[in-house]
Amino acid sequence: QVQLVESGGGLVQPGGSLRLSCAVSGGIFSIYAMGWYRQAPGKERELVATKPSGGSANYADSVKGRFTISRDNAKNTVDLQMNSLKPEDTAVYYCNADLMPTGWTRRDYWGQGTQVTVSS
C-alpha cells in the first residue's frame, strides 16, 4: 500500500548536477526518517544521505560538500541535490523511508530506484 517513487535520474557529465525527488504515498503513516542510498554494479548498497524527522542531516563522507538532502514534511517528499558529480557517483539511487503505517509495524520502505550515470 505504501509506495515511494523516485524521479530525476539521468546522464550527466562530470562536474554537472542533478536533482532527485521522492514522494511517499499510500495512506496514513508516521515517518521517522527519509534518505537516499545508492548501489553500483557489483557493489553493496550504501548510504548517501539521511534526514531524521526532527534531526540534522547525515552524509556519507564521499558526498559531503557536494550533495544536499531536503525534506518537505507537508508533502511527504525528499530531494537530493547533487552537484560536482563524479564518475564514481554512477549508481542506481534508491529512496528510503523509515515509517509506520497506522495499525501496522514500523519498517523501512524502498523506492524502485533511479539510474544516475556520470560520464563524458
Protein backbone atom coordinates (compact mmCIF):
# COMPACT_ATOMS: atom_id res chain seq x y z
CA GLN A 1 0.00 0.00 0.00
CA VAL A 2 2.79 2.44 0.88
CA GLN A 3 4.78 3.49 -2.17
CA LEU A 4 7.94 5.52 -2.72
CA VAL A 5 8.51 6.87 -6.24
CA GLU A 6 11.81 8.45 -7.35
CA SER A 7 12.42 10.75 -10.29
CA GLY A 8 15.17 12.95 -11.70
CA GLY A 9 17.87 10.47 -12.66
CA GLY A 10 19.71 10.60 -15.94
CA LEU A 11 23.02 11.06 -17.74
CA VAL A 12 25.28 13.95 -16.79
CA GLN A 13 28.88 14.92 -17.48
CA PRO A 14 31.48 15.04 -14.70
CA GLY A 15 31.12 18.28 -12.78
CA GLY A 16 27.44 18.54 -13.61
CA SER A 17 24.38 18.50 -11.38
CA LEU A 18 21.18 16.52 -10.92
CA ARG A 19 18.27 16.77 -8.52
CA LEU A 20 16.48 13.62 -7.40
CA SER A 21 13.00 13.66 -5.91
CA CYS A 22 10.99 11.07 -3.99
CA ALA A 23 7.34 11.10 -2.97
CA VAL A 24 5.69 8.85 -0.39
CA SER A 25 2.04 7.89 -0.73
CA GLY A 26 -0.39 5.17 0.25
CA GLY A 27 -2.18 6.07 3.44
CA ILE A 28 -1.71 7.45 6.91
CA PHE A 29 1.69 6.91 8.48
CA SER A 30 4.36 8.34 10.75
CA ILE A 31 7.77 8.97 9.17
CA TYR A 32 10.83 8.64 11.39
CA ALA A 33 13.46 9.30 8.73
CA MET A 34 13.93 9.59 4.98
CA GLY A 35 17.07 9.23 2.95
CA TRP A 36 18.90 8.18 -0.16
CA TYR A 37 21.02 5.11 -0.83
CA ARG A 38 22.85 4.01 -3.94
CA GLN A 39 24.14 0.79 -5.45
CA ALA A 40 26.69 0.47 -8.24
CA PRO A 41 27.08 -2.76 -10.26
CA GLY A 42 28.91 -5.37 -8.22
CA LYS A 43 28.83 -3.20 -5.11
CA GLU A 44 26.85 -3.22 -1.89
CA ARG A 45 24.10 -0.71 -1.33
CA GLU A 46 25.46 2.25 0.62
CA LEU A 47 24.00 5.21 2.45
CA VAL A 48 24.29 8.55 0.67
CA ALA A 49 22.32 10.90 2.91
CA THR A 50 19.61 10.64 5.53
CA LYS A 51 17.36 13.14 7.30
CA PRO A 52 15.73 12.00 10.56
CA SER A 53 12.47 13.67 11.49
CA GLY A 54 13.41 16.39 13.94
CA GLY A 55 17.13 15.81 13.46
CA SER A 56 20.03 17.02 11.36
CA ALA A 57 21.01 15.53 8.02
CA ASN A 58 23.82 12.99 7.77
CA TYR A 59 26.00 12.42 4.73
CA ALA A 60 28.47 9.85 3.54
CA ASP A 61 32.00 11.26 3.59
CA SER A 62 32.27 10.80 -0.16
CA VAL A 63 29.43 13.26 -0.86
CA LYS A 64 29.88 15.87 1.87
CA GLY A 65 30.06 19.35 0.42
CA ARG A 66 28.58 18.20 -2.89
CA PHE A 67 25.14 16.73 -2.08
CA THR A 68 22.29 18.27 -0.11
CA ILE A 69 19.24 16.43 1.20
CA SER A 70 16.00 18.27 1.89
CA ARG A 71 12.53 17.26 3.07
CA ASP A 72 9.08 18.72 2.68
CA ASN A 73 7.13 17.21 5.56
CA ALA A 74 3.78 18.59 4.38
CA LYS A 75 4.11 16.83 1.02
CA ASN A 76 5.95 13.72 2.27
CA THR A 77 8.80 14.25 -0.17
CA VAL A 78 12.58 14.18 0.00
CA ASP A 79 15.02 15.59 -2.55
CA LEU A 80 18.72 15.10 -3.18
CA GLN A 81 20.60 17.92 -4.88
CA MET A 82 23.78 16.51 -6.39
CA ASN A 83 26.50 18.93 -7.52
CA SER A 84 30.04 18.44 -8.80
CA LEU A 85 29.19 14.91 -9.86
CA LYS A 86 31.97 12.39 -10.39
CA PRO A 87 32.06 9.15 -12.40
CA GLU A 88 32.19 7.22 -9.12
CA ASP A 89 28.75 8.62 -8.28
CA THR A 90 27.30 6.43 -11.04
CA ALA A 91 24.75 4.09 -9.47
CA VAL A 92 21.10 3.32 -9.02
CA TYR A 93 19.80 5.67 -6.35
CA TYR A 94 17.07 4.46 -4.01
CA CYS A 95 14.76 6.49 -1.83
CA ASN A 96 14.27 5.13 1.68
CA ALA A 97 11.70 5.85 4.35
CA ASP A 98 11.61 4.57 7.91
CA LEU A 99 7.91 4.72 8.65
CA MET A 100 4.99 3.15 10.45
CA PRO A 101 1.61 2.91 8.72
CA THR A 102 -1.25 3.37 11.15
CA GLY A 103 -2.13 -0.05 12.55
CA TRP A 104 1.00 -1.77 11.19
CA THR A 105 4.62 -2.43 12.17
CA ARG A 106 7.35 0.16 11.67
CA ARG A 107 9.89 -0.77 8.98
CA ASP A 108 11.91 0.52 6.04
CA TYR A 109 10.28 1.14 2.68
CA TRP A 110 12.15 1.49 -0.61
CA GLY A 111 11.55 3.09 -3.98
CA GLN A 112 12.13 1.33 -7.28
CA GLY A 113 15.39 3.18 -7.92
CA THR A 114 16.51 5.73 -10.50
CA GLN A 115 19.68 5.48 -12.59
CA VAL A 116 22.33 8.18 -12.33
CA THR A 117 25.17 7.96 -14.83
CA VAL A 118 28.12 10.37 -14.72
CA SER A 119 30.22 10.07 -17.86
CA SER A 120 31.89 12.20 -20.50
